[in-house]
Amino acid sequence: MLKMENKLNKNGSVLILVVVAMMIMSVFGAGMLAIAYGTRQQAIKQKNETAALLAAEAGYEKAVFWMSQQQDMLTTLYNGSPGTTGTLNFTGADCDYTINFYAFIKARPVYRIVSNGHSGMFNRTVDTLVMQAISGWAMGKCRVPTGSSSTSAVNYVDGEIIDMPLQINKLLGESSDEKDIYIIGNPQFLQPVAMGESRYTTGGSDKYSTVMGLFQQGIYFNQPDSRVVDEATVQSKVNRFRDSTAAAYRFTPTAVASVTNGMPAVHLEFFVDANNIGKVRITNNCTVKGYKQSSDGRTYDFKIVPGSGGANYQRYNIYSYHLMPQNADSTGERVIRQIDQTYVTQSFGGVESQPGGQIFVNGNVIIGSSDPALSGTLNKVKEKITVVATGNIWIANSLEVDGAHNADGKPSGSNQNVLGLISQSVIKVVDPGMSRYSTGGTNNYPGPPTSVPSGTVYVPIGIHQSGSSNVYDRLLPHDMVVEAALTVGGGGWGAENVARGYYGGRREFINGQQDNLILRGAITEACRGVVGITGSDGYLKFYYLDSRLLEGVLPGDFWLQGKYIPAPAGWRDYRN
């Protein structure tokens, strides 16, 4: 009996232990299930939130891409064109975005992109302020026109130092197996380089493998092209600039002198007067005597044929000399104005840009003075001003901004004076010898203006040759300095009448010694222009970036990059 009771007690104890163990296991299992469920739910939530953020970022990317395709964003927004809002749908997520104008940073428009991503119960927003990128030297192609449909590569060569951010568009119609930047030796690229083309050939080979070490700040591929090659984009910018310029400073010159190859122009002479006031003398209705070589193989002076998409070129009449109306002062065709009298503001949605000067010329422009009758410092620009011309801009003397400069010669960061030059044709430094060369000969030059039409007078440019009794014996400085942001929509920036073979050839300050072309600013050009032939003719070039231009100080909103980037501290993403 006792044994039976012990056995029953043992069985009861085991049963209790089993029950307790089962309870513990049940609690443990339930806990594990709860943990697993919570982990799964957390993973789902994290996945949904990540999907919402990625959807919002995708909306931002689509908005930025759409902006890069527009000719002019302010005009697009003003016209209420479709595309400023949109949606994207993904598996398990979607987004909606809007694009609006936000403000001006100085004269540079800033836009706001708000993209909302949704996934499950989560909403994430990317709220970004963006603005158009600015390059130091942007070009449609790194080639110079040599004929009606032919171009030649321009090489960066051993010993050159390029201290400007570069942007080179993808070259259409050429083999993708060749680089769109041409390099001989080991030039130094000190700033970032952006290429429109891929790094790789169609077969997948790395065509940049041997030169990657030259790009000290990196090289980036498949970048949006500069829109300087798009005539419609440039025209849209020109139209808005024209319409926002004060009526008193919009000019359509007439060539009043009856001369062969006469071209209408406005002559601008910048100076700082004795009271330290920045001024410009404006002479309307000037006549430029043009000259053109007889065949393509004799010259590098080409511009793009309008409507050809940058594929065709034509010789154009270069500057020989110019005449002005004899009674221009009494008729009001020549006036002196303070630069700040040309000031206007760009305005959008009640928000105004920083004021700046604007002059618009429906025709050609000559810039440079040699007139001692203008009291003060000649060829100095004080204040902020942009000049836009539908024709050529000819530079006929050194042109610098007033104010403080650094030890390296560039305008200091605190210097508030700036000049922008925009041409729908070309911007070129004239050959001062054209008014002196004899008539006829191999080049068949037009000769000096010894006899001019009645009612007009010859306007000297540059510097008179010391010791010469010939008033037409003109020079430009040995160190030709240009401090400006240049935009060339119909060709390239360069110098006229650079020798090609046995033809042409510029007048040098010291006979037999190449002059120096010193640019402190920025360049945007549809193609390259010839500046000089090393060791032969024309200029040796020394180009330096004026970093102030990257801050949007230039009046007129004439940036043409296809890329939009976040403004400083302009990116936010958050839950909502």
Protein backbone atom coordinates (compact mmCIF):
# COMPACT_ATOMS: atom_id res chain seq x y z
CA MET A 1 0.00 0.00 0.00
CA LEU A 2 2.83 2.33 0.88
CA LYS A 3 4.58 1.51 -2.37
CA MET A 4 1.43 2.31 -4.28
CA GLU A 5 1.14 5.73 -2.60
CA ASN A 6 4.78 6.55 -3.35
CA LYS A 7 4.22 5.63 -6.95
CA LEU A 8 1.13 7.81 -7.12
CA ASN A 9 3.03 10.71 -5.52
CA LYS A 10 5.82 10.35 -8.04
CA ASN A 11 3.36 10.27 -10.92
CA GLY A 12 1.64 13.37 -9.56
CA SER A 13 4.93 15.21 -9.28
CA VAL A 14 5.84 14.35 -12.86
CA LEU A 15 2.44 15.53 -14.02
CA ILE A 16 2.90 18.83 -12.23
CA LEU A 17 6.36 19.23 -13.74
CA VAL A 18 5.01 18.47 -17.21
CA VAL A 19 2.19 20.97 -16.78
CA VAL A 20 4.59 23.62 -15.49
CA ALA A 21 7.00 22.89 -18.33
CA MET A 22 4.19 23.11 -20.85
CA MET A 23 3.07 26.41 -19.37
CA ILE A 24 6.62 27.74 -19.52
CA MET A 25 7.01 26.53 -23.08
CA SER A 26 3.66 28.04 -24.01
CA VAL A 27 4.62 31.39 -22.53
CA PHE A 28 8.02 31.19 -24.20
CA GLY A 29 6.45 30.21 -27.50
CA ALA A 30 3.91 32.98 -27.27
CA GLY A 31 6.73 35.41 -26.50
CA MET A 32 8.73 34.17 -29.45
CA LEU A 33 5.69 34.50 -31.67
CA ALA A 34 5.11 38.02 -30.39
CA ILE A 35 8.74 38.91 -30.99
CA ALA A 36 8.68 37.37 -34.46
CA TYR A 37 5.44 39.16 -35.27
CA GLY A 38 6.82 42.45 -33.94
CA THR A 39 10.02 41.99 -35.90
CA ARG A 40 8.04 41.25 -39.03
CA GLN A 41 5.82 44.26 -38.48
CA GLN A 42 8.88 46.43 -37.85
CA ALA A 43 10.46 45.12 -41.04
CA ILE A 44 7.28 45.88 -42.97
CA LYS A 45 7.13 49.38 -41.49
CA GLN A 46 10.79 50.00 -42.26
CA LYS A 47 10.32 48.67 -45.77
CA ASN A 48 7.29 50.90 -46.31
CA GLU A 49 9.03 53.96 -44.92
CA THR A 50 12.09 53.29 -47.07
CA ALA A 51 9.84 52.77 -50.09
CA ALA A 52 8.08 56.07 -49.34
CA LEU A 53 11.41 57.91 -49.14
CA LEU A 54 12.71 56.30 -52.34
CA ALA A 55 9.47 57.20 -54.12
CA ALA A 56 9.84 60.82 -52.96
CA GLU A 57 13.44 60.90 -54.21
CA ALA A 58 12.33 59.43 -57.54
CA GLY A 59 9.79 62.24 -57.87
CA TYR A 60 12.54 64.77 -57.19
CA GLU A 61 14.76 63.19 -59.87
CA LYS A 62 11.95 63.25 -62.42
CA ALA A 63 11.23 66.90 -61.62
CA VAL A 64 14.90 67.87 -62.03
CA PHE A 65 15.11 65.97 -65.33
CA TRP A 66 11.99 67.73 -66.62
CA MET A 67 13.47 71.10 -65.64
CA SER A 68 16.64 70.30 -67.58
CA GLN A 69 14.55 69.91 -70.75
CA GLN A 70 12.95 73.36 -70.52
CA GLN A 71 14.21 76.26 -72.59
CA ASP A 72 13.74 78.76 -69.76
CA MET A 73 12.22 77.80 -66.42
CA LEU A 74 10.92 81.24 -65.48
CA THR A 75 9.13 81.55 -68.82
CA THR A 76 7.76 78.02 -68.43
CA LEU A 77 6.37 78.83 -64.98
CA TYR A 78 5.05 82.22 -66.09
CA ASN A 79 3.17 80.61 -68.99
CA GLY A 80 1.74 77.90 -66.72
CA SER A 81 3.06 75.18 -69.03
CA PRO A 82 2.16 71.58 -68.10
CA GLY A 83 4.77 69.49 -66.32
CA THR A 84 5.22 71.45 -63.11
CA THR A 85 3.25 68.76 -61.27
CA GLY A 86 3.36 65.00 -61.72
CA THR A 87 2.98 61.56 -60.21
CA LEU A 88 4.88 58.27 -60.29
CA ASN A 89 3.55 54.81 -59.42
CA PHE A 90 5.61 51.85 -58.25
CA THR A 91 4.80 48.43 -56.81
CA GLY A 92 3.75 49.22 -53.26
CA ALA A 93 4.56 52.94 -53.44
CA ASP A 94 3.78 56.14 -55.31
CA CYS A 95 4.64 59.83 -55.23
CA ASP A 96 3.43 63.24 -56.32
CA TYR A 97 5.58 66.32 -56.87
CA THR A 98 5.29 70.04 -57.61
CA ILE A 99 7.77 72.59 -59.01
CA ASN A 100 7.50 76.29 -58.14
CA PHE A 101 9.58 79.44 -58.20
CA TYR A 102 10.95 80.19 -54.73
CA ALA A 103 13.21 83.28 -54.69
CA PHE A 104 16.24 84.97 -56.20
CA ILE A 105 19.76 84.62 -54.83
CA LYS A 106 21.10 87.95 -56.08
CA ALA A 107 20.07 87.65 -59.77
CA ARG A 108 19.90 83.85 -59.83
CA PRO A 109 16.45 82.19 -59.71
CA VAL A 110 15.87 79.48 -57.12
CA TYR A 111 13.13 76.87 -57.55
CA ARG A 112 11.40 74.64 -55.01
CA ILE A 113 10.63 70.97 -55.63
CA VAL A 114 8.32 69.26 -53.13
CA SER A 115 7.98 65.51 -53.69
CA ASN A 116 5.74 63.39 -51.43
CA GLY A 117 6.30 59.62 -51.32
CA HIS A 118 3.63 57.21 -50.03
CA SER A 119 3.83 53.53 -49.05
CA GLY A 120 1.38 51.86 -46.68
CA MET A 121 0.80 54.10 -43.70
CA PHE A 122 3.99 56.07 -44.30
CA ASN A 123 4.51 59.41 -46.04
CA ARG A 124 7.95 60.93 -46.65
CA THR A 125 8.66 64.31 -48.21
CA VAL A 126 11.72 65.57 -50.07
CA ASP A 127 11.60 69.38 -50.02
CA THR A 128 14.46 70.86 -52.05
CA LEU A 129 15.57 74.27 -53.28
CA VAL A 130 17.42 73.98 -56.60
CA MET A 131 19.12 76.34 -59.03
CA GLN A 132 20.76 76.08 -62.42
CA ALA A 133 24.37 74.93 -62.30
CA ILE A 134 27.05 77.35 -63.51
CA SER A 135 30.25 76.22 -65.20
CA GLY A 136 33.45 78.15 -65.65
CA TRP A 137 33.91 77.08 -69.27
CA ALA A 138 31.07 75.30 -71.06
CA MET A 139 31.15 74.40 -74.74
CA GLY A 140 28.92 72.67 -77.24
CA LYS A 141 31.95 71.02 -78.80
CA CYS A 142 35.71 71.22 -78.30
CA ARG A 143 36.24 71.88 -82.00
CA VAL A 144 36.71 74.94 -84.22
CA PRO A 145 34.91 75.41 -87.56
CA THR A 146 37.26 75.17 -90.55
CA GLY A 147 34.72 75.10 -93.38
CA SER A 148 31.03 75.08 -94.16
CA SER A 149 30.56 71.67 -92.52
CA SER A 150 34.02 70.79 -91.21
CA THR A 151 35.68 71.24 -87.82
CA SER A 152 39.06 70.52 -86.26
CA ALA A 153 39.79 69.33 -82.75
CA VAL A 154 41.23 71.78 -80.22
CA ASN A 155 43.74 70.03 -77.98
CA TYR A 156 44.62 70.66 -74.38
CA VAL A 157 48.37 70.22 -74.48
CA ASP A 158 51.35 69.47 -72.30
CA GLY A 159 52.15 72.35 -69.95
CA GLU A 160 48.70 73.96 -70.01
CA ILE A 161 46.93 74.62 -66.71
CA ILE A 162 43.14 74.78 -66.89
CA ASP A 163 41.88 76.34 -63.67
CA MET A 164 38.19 76.44 -64.63
CA PRO A 165 35.38 73.91 -64.21
CA LEU A 166 34.81 72.47 -67.71
CA GLN A 167 31.59 71.28 -69.35
CA ILE A 168 31.77 69.64 -72.79
CA ASN A 169 28.57 68.47 -74.48
CA LYS A 170 28.23 65.06 -76.06
CA LEU A 171 29.40 65.36 -79.66
CA LEU A 172 26.63 64.12 -81.92
CA GLY A 173 27.36 62.36 -85.19
CA GLU A 174 30.84 61.23 -84.15
CA SER A 175 32.15 57.81 -83.15
CA SER A 176 31.51 57.02 -79.49
CA ASP A 177 34.87 55.21 -79.46
CA GLU A 178 36.73 58.55 -79.36
CA LYS A 179 36.91 61.01 -76.49
CA ASP A 180 35.10 64.35 -76.87
CA ILE A 181 37.96 66.09 -75.06
CA TYR A 182 41.24 66.19 -76.96
CA ILE A 183 44.48 65.84 -75.00
CA ILE A 184 48.14 65.80 -76.01
CA GLY A 185 50.67 65.17 -73.25
CA ASN A 186 49.84 66.03 -69.65
CA PRO A 187 47.86 69.24 -69.21
CA GLN A 188 46.60 69.90 -65.69
CA PHE A 189 42.87 70.15 -65.03
CA LEU A 190 42.58 71.76 -61.60
CA GLN A 191 38.77 71.98 -61.47
CA PRO A 192 36.02 69.36 -62.02
CA VAL A 193 35.30 68.32 -65.61
CA ALA A 194 31.79 67.31 -66.77
CA MET A 195 31.32 65.35 -69.99
CA GLY A 196 28.07 64.73 -71.83
CA GLU A 197 29.38 61.43 -73.22
CA SER A 198 29.89 58.04 -71.61
CA ARG A 199 33.26 56.95 -70.29
CA TYR A 200 33.01 53.76 -72.31
CA THR A 201 32.99 52.82 -75.98
CA THR A 202 30.10 50.95 -77.57
CA GLY A 203 32.09 47.77 -76.94
CA GLY A 204 32.49 48.54 -73.23
CA SER A 205 36.16 49.58 -73.24
CA ASP A 206 37.29 52.44 -70.99
CA LYS A 207 38.43 55.13 -73.43
CA TYR A 208 39.53 57.42 -70.57
CA SER A 209 41.73 54.92 -68.74
CA THR A 210 45.01 56.55 -69.83
CA VAL A 211 44.06 60.13 -68.87
CA MET A 212 42.06 59.77 -65.64
CA GLY A 213 45.03 60.91 -63.57
CA LEU A 214 44.98 64.36 -65.22
CA PHE A 215 41.66 65.37 -63.64
CA GLN A 216 42.64 66.44 -60.14
CA GLN A 217 39.08 67.26 -59.01
CA GLY A 218 37.45 64.41 -60.89
CA ILE A 219 35.68 63.91 -64.20
CA TYR A 220 31.97 63.13 -64.45
CA PHE A 221 30.24 61.43 -67.37
CA ASN A 222 26.72 61.34 -68.86
CA GLN A 223 26.07 64.87 -67.60
CA PRO A 224 23.25 67.08 -68.97
CA ASP A 225 24.40 69.21 -71.91
CA SER A 226 24.71 72.97 -71.84
CA ARG A 227 21.75 74.46 -73.72
CA VAL A 228 23.91 77.08 -75.45
CA VAL A 229 23.64 74.93 -78.59
CA ASP A 230 19.83 75.12 -78.55
CA GLU A 231 18.84 78.22 -80.53
CA ALA A 232 15.30 78.20 -79.13
CA THR A 233 16.61 78.25 -75.55
CA VAL A 234 19.00 81.12 -76.27
CA GLN A 235 16.24 83.03 -78.08
CA SER A 236 13.87 82.56 -75.14
CA LYS A 237 16.48 84.00 -72.77
CA VAL A 238 17.17 86.89 -75.17
CA ASN A 239 13.46 87.70 -75.45
CA ARG A 240 12.99 87.85 -71.69
CA PHE A 241 16.13 89.96 -71.29
CA ARG A 242 14.92 92.35 -74.00
CA ASP A 243 11.48 92.69 -72.47
CA SER A 244 12.88 93.38 -69.00
CA THR A 245 15.38 96.01 -70.23
CA ALA A 246 14.32 99.65 -69.86
CA ALA A 247 13.07 101.07 -73.18
CA ALA A 248 15.77 103.77 -73.18
CA TYR A 249 18.44 101.08 -73.33
CA ARG A 250 17.02 98.94 -76.13
CA PHE A 251 18.68 99.77 -79.45
CA THR A 252 18.20 98.76 -83.08
CA PRO A 253 21.06 100.50 -84.89
CA THR A 254 21.07 101.53 -88.55
CA ALA A 255 24.21 101.65 -90.72
CA VAL A 256 24.06 105.32 -91.75
CA ALA A 257 27.27 105.28 -93.83
CA SER A 258 27.15 103.90 -97.34
CA VAL A 259 30.16 101.57 -97.40
CA THR A 260 30.75 98.11 -98.85
CA ASN A 261 29.86 95.39 -96.35
CA GLY A 262 28.52 98.01 -93.94
CA MET A 263 27.01 96.64 -90.72
CA PRO A 264 24.96 98.53 -88.11
CA ALA A 265 26.35 98.71 -84.59
CA VAL A 266 26.19 100.42 -81.21
CA HIS A 267 29.49 101.58 -79.71
CA LEU A 268 29.81 101.24 -75.90
CA GLU A 269 32.64 102.99 -74.04
CA PHE A 270 32.84 102.19 -70.34
CA PHE A 271 34.71 104.48 -67.99
CA VAL A 272 34.89 105.67 -64.38
CA ASP A 273 34.73 109.45 -64.15
CA ALA A 274 36.70 111.79 -61.90
CA ASN A 275 34.01 111.48 -59.21
CA ASN A 276 34.39 107.67 -59.17
CA ILE A 277 31.04 107.13 -60.88
CA GLY A 278 30.70 104.29 -63.37
CA LYS A 279 29.48 105.49 -66.75
CA VAL A 280 29.03 104.35 -70.33
CA ARG A 281 29.02 106.43 -73.50
CA ILE A 282 26.56 104.96 -75.98
CA THR A 283 26.80 105.80 -79.69
CA ASN A 284 23.95 104.45 -81.77
CA ASN A 285 23.78 104.06 -85.56
CA CYS A 286 27.47 103.37 -86.14
CA THR A 287 28.59 101.65 -89.34
CA VAL A 288 31.19 98.88 -89.24
CA LYS A 289 33.20 98.32 -92.40
CA GLY A 290 33.25 94.55 -92.84
CA TYR A 291 35.82 92.31 -94.49
CA LYS A 292 35.64 88.65 -95.43
CA GLN A 293 38.21 86.32 -96.96
CA SER A 294 37.22 84.98 -100.38
CA SER A 295 37.19 81.26 -99.48
CA ASP A 296 36.82 79.00 -96.45
CA GLY A 297 40.40 77.72 -96.58
CA ARG A 298 41.80 81.20 -95.97
CA THR A 299 40.24 81.95 -92.58
CA TYR A 300 39.14 80.77 -89.15
CA ASP A 301 36.45 83.46 -88.93
CA PHE A 302 33.25 81.42 -89.01
CA LYS A 303 29.93 81.50 -87.23
CA ILE A 304 27.14 78.93 -87.03
CA VAL A 305 24.49 79.03 -89.75
CA PRO A 306 21.19 79.78 -87.96
CA GLY A 307 18.79 76.86 -88.05
CA SER A 308 21.51 74.27 -88.78
CA GLY A 309 21.64 72.88 -85.25
CA GLY A 310 25.31 73.81 -85.04
CA ALA A 311 26.27 71.51 -87.93
CA ASN A 312 26.96 74.15 -90.61
CA TYR A 313 29.13 77.26 -90.62
CA GLN A 314 29.65 80.36 -92.70
CA ARG A 315 32.35 82.98 -93.06
CA TYR A 316 31.27 86.33 -91.68
CA ASN A 317 32.42 89.92 -92.18
CA ILE A 318 35.00 90.75 -89.52
CA TYR A 319 35.60 94.23 -88.10
CA SER A 320 37.85 96.53 -90.18
CA TYR A 321 36.97 99.92 -88.67
CA HIS A 322 33.84 101.86 -87.85
CA LEU A 323 32.25 105.23 -88.51
CA MET A 324 29.77 107.25 -86.48
CA PRO A 325 27.29 110.00 -87.40
CA GLN A 326 29.14 113.32 -87.40
CA ASN A 327 26.34 115.08 -85.51
CA ALA A 328 25.66 112.21 -83.08
CA ASP A 329 26.00 114.44 -80.00
CA SER A 330 23.45 116.99 -81.19
CA THR A 331 20.96 114.39 -82.43
CA GLY A 332 21.09 112.34 -79.24
CA GLU A 333 22.61 109.35 -81.03
CA ARG A 334 25.55 109.63 -78.63
CA VAL A 335 24.87 110.01 -74.91
CA ILE A 336 26.65 109.41 -71.61
CA ARG A 337 24.77 107.63 -68.86
CA GLN A 338 25.57 106.40 -65.39
CA ILE A 339 25.53 102.62 -65.41
CA ASP A 340 23.14 102.53 -62.48
CA GLN A 341 20.62 104.35 -64.69
CA THR A 342 20.34 101.12 -66.70
CA TYR A 343 19.40 99.14 -63.58
CA VAL A 344 16.28 96.98 -63.58
CA THR A 345 15.10 94.01 -61.56
CA GLN A 346 13.83 90.67 -62.76
CA SER A 347 10.46 90.02 -61.12
CA PHE A 348 8.41 86.87 -60.69
CA GLY A 349 5.39 86.32 -58.49
CA GLY A 350 6.02 89.56 -56.65
CA VAL A 351 9.63 88.56 -55.84
CA GLU A 352 12.38 90.74 -57.27
CA SER A 353 15.99 89.95 -58.05
CA GLN A 354 18.90 92.10 -56.99
CA PRO A 355 19.00 95.10 -59.37
CA GLY A 356 21.54 95.24 -62.18
CA GLY A 357 22.21 97.06 -65.44
CA GLN A 358 20.90 95.82 -68.78
CA ILE A 359 21.56 97.02 -72.35
CA PHE A 360 19.95 95.23 -75.29
CA VAL A 361 21.09 95.70 -78.89
CA ASN A 362 19.23 94.24 -81.84
CA GLY A 363 22.38 94.25 -83.95
CA ASN A 364 26.14 94.45 -83.42
CA VAL A 365 28.13 95.97 -80.56
CA ILE A 366 31.63 97.47 -80.40
CA ILE A 367 33.16 97.76 -76.91
CA GLY A 368 36.27 99.77 -76.10
CA SER A 369 37.42 103.38 -75.97
CA SER A 370 40.52 105.34 -76.95
CA ASP A 371 39.03 108.82 -76.62
CA PRO A 372 41.02 111.06 -74.24
CA ALA A 373 38.09 113.49 -74.20
CA LEU A 374 36.34 111.14 -71.78
CA SER A 375 37.59 112.29 -68.40
CA GLY A 376 38.44 109.52 -65.96
CA THR A 377 39.68 105.96 -66.34
CA LEU A 378 38.78 104.41 -69.68
CA ASN A 379 37.72 100.81 -70.27
CA LYS A 380 36.75 100.23 -66.64
CA VAL A 381 33.36 98.89 -65.60
CA LYS A 382 31.98 100.09 -62.29
CA GLU A 383 28.62 98.60 -61.19
CA LYS A 384 26.88 95.44 -62.45
CA ILE A 385 25.79 95.29 -66.08
CA THR A 386 24.98 92.76 -68.81
CA VAL A 387 24.99 93.55 -72.54
CA VAL A 388 23.04 91.32 -74.94
CA ALA A 389 23.44 91.58 -78.73
CA THR A 390 21.62 89.66 -81.45
CA GLY A 391 24.68 90.23 -83.67
CA ASN A 392 28.43 90.22 -83.07
CA ILE A 393 30.20 91.74 -80.08
CA TRP A 394 33.59 93.16 -81.05
CA ILE A 395 36.06 93.94 -78.26
CA ALA A 396 38.34 96.80 -79.27
CA ASN A 397 40.44 97.40 -76.15
CA SER A 398 41.21 95.87 -72.76
CA LEU A 399 38.15 95.74 -70.55
CA GLU A 400 38.38 95.41 -66.78
CA VAL A 401 36.08 95.80 -63.81
CA ASP A 402 36.83 98.54 -61.32
CA GLY A 403 37.55 97.83 -57.66
CA ALA A 404 39.74 95.54 -55.59
CA HIS A 405 41.68 92.69 -57.19
CA ASN A 406 43.60 89.84 -55.60
CA ALA A 407 47.34 89.34 -55.92
CA ASP A 408 46.68 86.89 -58.79
CA GLY A 409 44.90 89.65 -60.73
CA LYS A 410 41.36 88.31 -60.35
CA PRO A 411 38.62 90.54 -58.90
CA SER A 412 38.40 90.01 -55.15
CA GLY A 413 35.39 88.34 -53.57
CA SER A 414 34.19 91.64 -52.12
CA ASN A 415 34.32 93.42 -55.50
CA GLN A 416 30.73 94.19 -56.54
CA ASN A 417 31.50 95.20 -60.14
CA VAL A 418 30.77 92.70 -62.89
CA LEU A 419 30.21 92.58 -66.66
CA GLY A 420 28.32 90.05 -68.76
CA LEU A 421 28.47 89.88 -72.57
CA ILE A 422 26.00 87.72 -74.49
CA SER A 423 25.93 87.37 -78.28
CA GLN A 424 23.67 85.32 -80.52
CA SER A 425 26.51 85.43 -83.05
CA VAL A 426 30.19 85.62 -81.97
CA ILE A 427 32.31 87.56 -79.47
CA LYS A 428 35.72 88.41 -80.91
CA VAL A 429 38.75 90.59 -80.24
CA VAL A 430 39.22 92.76 -83.33
CA ASP A 431 42.44 92.99 -85.34
CA PRO A 432 43.54 96.64 -84.88
CA GLY A 433 45.69 96.47 -87.99
CA MET A 434 42.69 96.26 -90.32
CA SER A 435 42.46 100.07 -90.47
CA ARG A 436 46.14 100.27 -91.49
CA TYR A 437 46.72 97.40 -93.94
CA SER A 438 47.19 98.45 -97.55
CA THR A 439 44.43 97.94 -100.07
CA GLY A 440 44.52 94.80 -102.20
CA GLY A 441 47.42 92.35 -102.03
CA THR A 442 47.14 88.64 -101.24
CA ASN A 443 44.34 89.25 -98.75
CA ASN A 444 42.59 91.98 -100.75
CA TYR A 445 42.10 94.08 -97.61
CA PRO A 446 39.77 97.10 -97.89
CA GLY A 447 42.49 99.56 -96.84
CA PRO A 448 42.45 102.56 -94.45
CA PRO A 449 39.39 104.81 -94.16
CA THR A 450 41.14 107.76 -95.80
CA SER A 451 37.87 108.92 -97.35
CA VAL A 452 34.60 108.44 -95.49
CA PRO A 453 31.03 109.18 -96.56
CA SER A 454 29.73 112.67 -95.89
CA GLY A 455 28.12 113.11 -92.50
CA THR A 456 30.25 110.44 -90.80
CA VAL A 457 33.59 110.39 -88.99
CA TYR A 458 36.17 107.67 -88.39
CA VAL A 459 36.33 106.39 -84.78
CA PRO A 460 39.81 105.23 -83.71
CA ILE A 461 40.11 102.16 -81.48
CA GLY A 462 42.87 100.72 -79.32
CA ILE A 463 46.20 102.52 -79.02
CA HIS A 464 47.84 104.80 -81.56
CA GLN A 465 51.27 103.55 -82.67
CA SER A 466 53.86 105.68 -80.88
CA GLY A 467 55.82 107.92 -83.24
CA SER A 468 53.52 107.27 -86.20
CA SER A 469 51.87 110.16 -88.03
CA ASN A 470 49.28 107.78 -89.47
CA VAL A 471 46.05 108.14 -87.46
CA TYR A 472 44.93 104.71 -88.70
CA ASP A 473 48.05 103.01 -87.27
CA ARG A 474 46.39 101.25 -84.32
CA LEU A 475 47.41 98.58 -81.81
CA LEU A 476 45.84 96.67 -78.95
CA PRO A 477 47.74 96.20 -75.66
CA HIS A 478 50.35 93.43 -75.50
CA ASP A 479 48.46 92.08 -72.47
CA MET A 480 44.87 92.19 -73.67
CA VAL A 481 42.72 91.80 -70.54
CA VAL A 482 39.02 90.93 -70.59
CA GLU A 483 37.18 90.62 -67.28
CA ALA A 484 33.71 89.39 -68.13
CA ALA A 485 31.34 86.45 -68.33
CA LEU A 486 31.01 85.58 -72.03
CA THR A 487 28.12 83.69 -73.62
CA VAL A 488 28.42 82.96 -77.34
CA GLY A 489 25.33 81.39 -78.89
CA GLY A 490 26.30 81.50 -82.58
CA GLY A 491 29.91 80.34 -82.57
CA GLY A 492 32.98 80.72 -80.40
CA TRP A 493 35.00 83.24 -78.44
CA GLY A 494 38.31 84.19 -80.01
CA ALA A 495 40.31 86.65 -82.09
CA GLU A 496 39.68 87.79 -85.66
CA ASN A 497 42.03 87.51 -88.63
CA VAL A 498 44.33 84.88 -87.11
CA ALA A 499 46.61 83.63 -89.88
CA ARG A 500 45.60 80.48 -91.73
CA GLY A 501 48.33 79.36 -94.05
CA TYR A 502 49.47 82.32 -96.14
CA TYR A 503 46.35 84.37 -95.45
CA GLY A 504 45.38 86.79 -92.72
CA GLY A 505 47.60 87.55 -89.75
CA ARG A 506 47.00 89.91 -86.83
CA ARG A 507 48.79 93.15 -86.01
CA GLU A 508 50.94 92.55 -82.92
CA PHE A 509 51.94 95.08 -80.29
CA ILE A 510 55.57 94.09 -80.78
CA ASN A 511 56.20 92.87 -84.30
CA GLY A 512 57.02 89.17 -84.36
CA GLN A 513 55.97 88.53 -80.74
CA GLN A 514 52.63 86.95 -79.88
CA ASP A 515 50.41 88.99 -77.58
CA ASN A 516 48.68 87.64 -74.46
CA LEU A 517 44.92 87.29 -74.08
CA ILE A 518 44.08 87.28 -70.37
CA LEU A 519 40.51 86.35 -69.52
CA ARG A 520 39.28 86.60 -65.95
CA GLY A 521 35.69 85.47 -66.00
CA ALA A 522 33.73 82.59 -67.51
CA ILE A 523 32.94 81.28 -70.99
CA THR A 524 29.91 79.55 -72.48
CA GLU A 525 30.24 78.94 -76.22
CA ALA A 526 28.46 76.85 -78.83
CA CYS A 527 31.80 75.75 -80.31
CA ARG A 528 35.42 76.76 -79.91
CA GLY A 529 36.86 79.82 -81.60
CA VAL A 530 40.47 80.36 -82.64
CA VAL A 531 42.48 82.63 -80.32
CA GLY A 532 45.91 82.03 -81.81
CA ILE A 533 48.29 79.54 -83.35
CA THR A 534 51.02 78.71 -80.84
CA GLY A 535 54.38 80.06 -81.98
CA SER A 536 52.85 81.63 -85.06
CA ASP A 537 50.07 84.22 -84.85
CA GLY A 538 47.31 85.51 -82.62
CA TYR A 539 47.25 85.28 -78.85
CA LEU A 540 48.67 83.07 -76.17
CA LYS A 541 45.74 82.46 -73.84
CA PHE A 542 45.63 82.77 -70.06
CA TYR A 543 42.17 82.00 -68.70
CA TYR A 544 41.15 82.31 -65.06
CA LEU A 545 37.80 81.65 -63.41
CA ASP A 546 36.16 84.59 -61.65
CA SER A 547 34.51 82.52 -58.91
CA ARG A 548 32.13 85.39 -58.05
CA LEU A 549 30.20 84.49 -61.20
CA LEU A 550 29.26 81.13 -59.66
CA GLU A 551 27.28 83.03 -57.00
CA GLY A 552 24.70 84.51 -59.37
CA VAL A 553 25.95 88.12 -59.32
CA LEU A 554 25.49 88.66 -63.06
CA PRO A 555 22.28 90.53 -64.00
CA GLY A 556 19.85 89.08 -66.52
CA ASP A 557 19.41 85.36 -65.68
CA PHE A 558 21.40 84.09 -68.66
CA TRP A 559 22.55 80.72 -67.31
CA LEU A 560 22.31 77.92 -69.87
CA GLN A 561 23.39 74.75 -68.09
CA GLY A 562 21.00 71.83 -68.42
CA LYS A 563 21.79 70.67 -64.89
CA TYR A 564 19.98 71.77 -61.72
CA ILE A 565 21.61 71.32 -58.33
CA PRO A 566 20.46 71.79 -54.72
CA ALA A 567 21.09 75.26 -53.33
CA PRO A 568 23.38 75.47 -50.29
CA ALA A 569 21.49 73.94 -47.32
CA GLY A 570 18.57 73.48 -49.72
CA TRP A 571 17.80 69.77 -49.14
CA ARG A 572 15.32 68.50 -46.52
CA ASP A 573 13.54 65.18 -46.17
CA TYR A 574 11.09 64.38 -43.38
CA ARG A 575 8.08 62.32 -42.28
CA ASN A 576 4.60 63.77 -42.50
